[in-house]
Amino acid sequence: MSDQAQSQCEGNEPYALMVLGDSMLPEFKEGDIIIIEPSGVIANESYVIAYHNDEYIFRQLIIDDDKFYLKPLNESYAMEEISGLDVIKGKITQKKFSSKRKDIKFYA
């Protein structure tokens, strides 16, 4: 991700990204559009965008006692521990999975 794209993604305004890959199957398929709220309230099992290992990553946040993990939904990928919530750059609030208006799903 370029420095310009990175700065745009870390603002306070919601933004959209397209899901790439299969790490979040079956809930999120390649081509789904997700809406990210940078200032969204983060909780256990929230879907998040994080900056981890020098890249942006889309995962589910798992909070277990005082430890934090980024969990892919696809079991072919490994769950990774993160240092804390400072790596979280936004919360997914909705996805659009087709061109039909009714095909939008919201996340708390």
C-alpha atoms as a PDB file:
ATOM      1  CA  MET A   1       0.000   0.000   0.000  1.00  0.00           C
ATOM      2  CA  SER A   2       1.436   3.381  -0.939  1.00  0.00           C
ATOM      3  CA  ASP A   3       2.091   6.110   1.639  1.00  0.00           C
ATOM      4  CA  GLN A   4      -0.749   8.158   0.141  1.00  0.00           C
ATOM      5  CA  ALA A   5      -3.212   5.253   0.350  1.00  0.00           C
ATOM      6  CA  GLN A   6      -2.016   4.504   3.871  1.00  0.00           C
ATOM      7  CA  SER A   7      -2.670   8.075   5.024  1.00  0.00           C
ATOM      8  CA  GLN A   8      -6.136   8.027   3.442  1.00  0.00           C
ATOM      9  CA  CYS A   9      -6.984   4.759   5.181  1.00  0.00           C
ATOM     10  CA  GLU A  10      -5.951   6.037   8.588  1.00  0.00           C
ATOM     11  CA  GLY A  11      -8.186   9.125   8.626  1.00  0.00           C
ATOM     12  CA  ASN A  12     -11.387   9.441  10.617  1.00  0.00           C
ATOM     13  CA  GLU A  13     -13.775   9.024   7.679  1.00  0.00           C
ATOM     14  CA  PRO A  14     -15.258   5.618   6.785  1.00  0.00           C
ATOM     15  CA  TYR A  15     -13.781   4.032   3.676  1.00  0.00           C
ATOM     16  CA  ALA A  16     -14.381   0.962   1.516  1.00  0.00           C
ATOM     17  CA  LEU A  17     -12.071  -1.853   0.499  1.00  0.00           C
ATOM     18  CA  MET A  18     -12.537  -4.913  -1.684  1.00  0.00           C
ATOM     19  CA  VAL A  19     -11.854  -8.294  -0.082  1.00  0.00           C
ATOM     20  CA  LEU A  20      -8.982 -10.122  -1.758  1.00  0.00           C
ATOM     21  CA  GLY A  21      -8.114 -13.747  -1.137  1.00  0.00           C
ATOM     22  CA  ASP A  22      -9.834 -16.459   0.844  1.00  0.00           C
ATOM     23  CA  SER A  23      -8.575 -15.975   4.410  1.00  0.00           C
ATOM     24  CA  MET A  24     -11.971 -14.749   5.649  1.00  0.00           C
ATOM     25  CA  LEU A  25     -14.155 -17.405   4.012  1.00  0.00           C
ATOM     26  CA  PRO A  26     -16.944 -18.321   4.396  1.00  0.00           C
ATOM     27  CA  GLU A  27     -18.286 -14.997   5.767  1.00  0.00           C
ATOM     28  CA  PHE A  28     -16.339 -12.740   3.377  1.00  0.00           C
ATOM     29  CA  LYS A  29     -15.684 -13.786  -0.203  1.00  0.00           C
ATOM     30  CA  GLU A  30     -13.218 -12.333  -2.676  1.00  0.00           C
ATOM     31  CA  GLY A  31     -14.853  -9.338  -4.335  1.00  0.00           C
ATOM     32  CA  ASP A  32     -17.071  -8.378  -1.375  1.00  0.00           C
ATOM     33  CA  ILE A  33     -16.881  -4.688  -0.523  1.00  0.00           C
ATOM     34  CA  ILE A  34     -16.345  -3.923   3.165  1.00  0.00           C
ATOM     35  CA  ILE A  35     -16.905  -0.589   4.901  1.00  0.00           C
ATOM     36  CA  ILE A  36     -14.355   0.317   7.563  1.00  0.00           C
ATOM     37  CA  GLU A  37     -15.036   2.770  10.386  1.00  0.00           C
ATOM     38  CA  PRO A  38     -11.634   3.979  11.661  1.00  0.00           C
ATOM     39  CA  SER A  39     -13.105   5.218  14.931  1.00  0.00           C
ATOM     40  CA  GLY A  40     -15.475   2.262  15.414  1.00  0.00           C
ATOM     41  CA  VAL A  41     -15.769   0.680  18.846  1.00  0.00           C
ATOM     42  CA  ILE A  42     -13.637  -2.468  18.920  1.00  0.00           C
ATOM     43  CA  ALA A  43     -14.755  -5.530  20.902  1.00  0.00           C
ATOM     44  CA  ASN A  44     -13.948  -9.215  21.058  1.00  0.00           C
ATOM     45  CA  GLU A  45     -14.830 -10.905  17.742  1.00  0.00           C
ATOM     46  CA  SER A  46     -15.057  -7.607  15.824  1.00  0.00           C
ATOM     47  CA  TYR A  47     -13.940  -7.772  12.204  1.00  0.00           C
ATOM     48  CA  VAL A  48     -11.030  -5.370  11.847  1.00  0.00           C
ATOM     49  CA  ILE A  49      -8.346  -3.939   9.607  1.00  0.00           C
ATOM     50  CA  ALA A  50      -4.961  -4.046  11.329  1.00  0.00           C
ATOM     51  CA  TYR A  51      -1.438  -3.016  10.426  1.00  0.00           C
ATOM     52  CA  HIS A  52       0.610  -6.107  11.256  1.00  0.00           C
ATOM     53  CA  ASN A  53       3.971  -7.358   9.943  1.00  0.00           C
ATOM     54  CA  ASP A  54       4.344  -4.279   7.712  1.00  0.00           C
ATOM     55  CA  GLU A  55       1.043  -4.803   5.890  1.00  0.00           C
ATOM     56  CA  TYR A  56      -2.662  -4.171   6.286  1.00  0.00           C
ATOM     57  CA  ILE A  57      -4.623  -7.286   7.139  1.00  0.00           C
ATOM     58  CA  PHE A  58      -8.346  -8.064   7.456  1.00  0.00           C
ATOM     59  CA  ARG A  59      -9.162 -10.432  10.312  1.00  0.00           C
ATOM     60  CA  GLN A  60     -11.399 -11.080  13.294  1.00  0.00           C
ATOM     61  CA  LEU A  61     -10.081  -9.678  16.576  1.00  0.00           C
ATOM     62  CA  ILE A  62      -9.958 -12.171  19.434  1.00  0.00           C
ATOM     63  CA  ILE A  63      -9.376 -10.875  22.962  1.00  0.00           C
ATOM     64  CA  ASP A  64      -8.434 -13.571  25.474  1.00  0.00           C
ATOM     65  CA  ASP A  65      -7.556 -12.241  28.937  1.00  0.00           C
ATOM     66  CA  ASP A  66      -4.796  -9.701  28.273  1.00  0.00           C
ATOM     67  CA  LYS A  67      -3.805 -11.110  24.874  1.00  0.00           C
ATOM     68  CA  PHE A  68      -4.946 -10.015  21.432  1.00  0.00           C
ATOM     69  CA  TYR A  69      -5.096 -12.129  18.277  1.00  0.00           C
ATOM     70  CA  LEU A  70      -5.960 -11.677  14.603  1.00  0.00           C
ATOM     71  CA  LYS A  71      -7.974 -14.690  13.515  1.00  0.00           C
ATOM     72  CA  PRO A  72      -8.732 -15.674   9.923  1.00  0.00           C
ATOM     73  CA  LEU A  73     -12.086 -17.410   9.460  1.00  0.00           C
ATOM     74  CA  ASN A  74     -10.567 -19.861   6.987  1.00  0.00           C
ATOM     75  CA  GLU A  75      -8.857 -22.579   9.035  1.00  0.00           C
ATOM     76  CA  SER A  76      -6.133 -22.909   6.379  1.00  0.00           C
ATOM     77  CA  TYR A  77      -4.560 -19.750   7.810  1.00  0.00           C
ATOM     78  CA  ALA A  78      -2.933 -19.301  11.223  1.00  0.00           C
ATOM     79  CA  MET A  79      -4.150 -17.035  14.009  1.00  0.00           C
ATOM     80  CA  GLU A  80      -1.496 -14.477  14.994  1.00  0.00           C
ATOM     81  CA  GLU A  81      -0.903 -12.727  18.303  1.00  0.00           C
ATOM     82  CA  ILE A  82      -0.578  -8.937  18.186  1.00  0.00           C
ATOM     83  CA  SER A  83       0.975  -6.542  20.683  1.00  0.00           C
ATOM     84  CA  GLY A  84      -2.245  -4.689  21.444  1.00  0.00           C
ATOM     85  CA  LEU A  85      -5.108  -2.665  20.049  1.00  0.00           C
ATOM     86  CA  ASP A  86      -2.758  -0.003  18.687  1.00  0.00           C
ATOM     87  CA  VAL A  87      -2.347  -2.078  15.492  1.00  0.00           C
ATOM     88  CA  ILE A  88      -6.111  -1.944  14.812  1.00  0.00           C
ATOM     89  CA  LYS A  89      -6.862   0.703  12.177  1.00  0.00           C
ATOM     90  CA  GLY A  90     -10.605   0.272  11.835  1.00  0.00           C
ATOM     91  CA  LYS A  91     -13.666  -1.874  12.365  1.00  0.00           C
ATOM     92  CA  ILE A  92     -15.719  -3.423   9.577  1.00  0.00           C
ATOM     93  CA  THR A  93     -19.286  -2.165   9.894  1.00  0.00           C
ATOM     94  CA  GLN A  94     -20.864  -3.605   6.757  1.00  0.00           C
ATOM     95  CA  LYS A  95     -20.299  -5.559   3.574  1.00  0.00           C
ATOM     96  CA  LYS A  96     -21.912  -5.460   0.171  1.00  0.00           C
ATOM     97  CA  PHE A  97     -21.815  -8.753  -1.656  1.00  0.00           C
ATOM     98  CA  SER A  98     -23.627  -8.041  -4.905  1.00  0.00           C
ATOM     99  CA  SER A  99     -24.892  -5.152  -6.971  1.00  0.00           C
ATOM    100  CA  LYS A 100     -28.366  -5.425  -5.418  1.00  0.00           C
ATOM    101  CA  ARG A 101     -29.207  -2.882  -2.748  1.00  0.00           C
ATOM    102  CA  LYS A 102     -30.664  -5.548  -0.444  1.00  0.00           C
ATOM    103  CA  ASP A 103     -27.387  -7.496  -0.410  1.00  0.00           C
ATOM    104  CA  ILE A 104     -25.792  -5.496   2.406  1.00  0.00           C
ATOM    105  CA  LYS A 105     -24.941  -6.984   5.781  1.00  0.00           C
ATOM    106  CA  PHE A 106     -24.237  -4.881   8.883  1.00  0.00           C
ATOM    107  CA  TYR A 107     -21.866  -5.755  11.750  1.00  0.00           C
ATOM    108  CA  ALA A 108     -22.104  -4.434  15.289  1.00  0.00           C
END
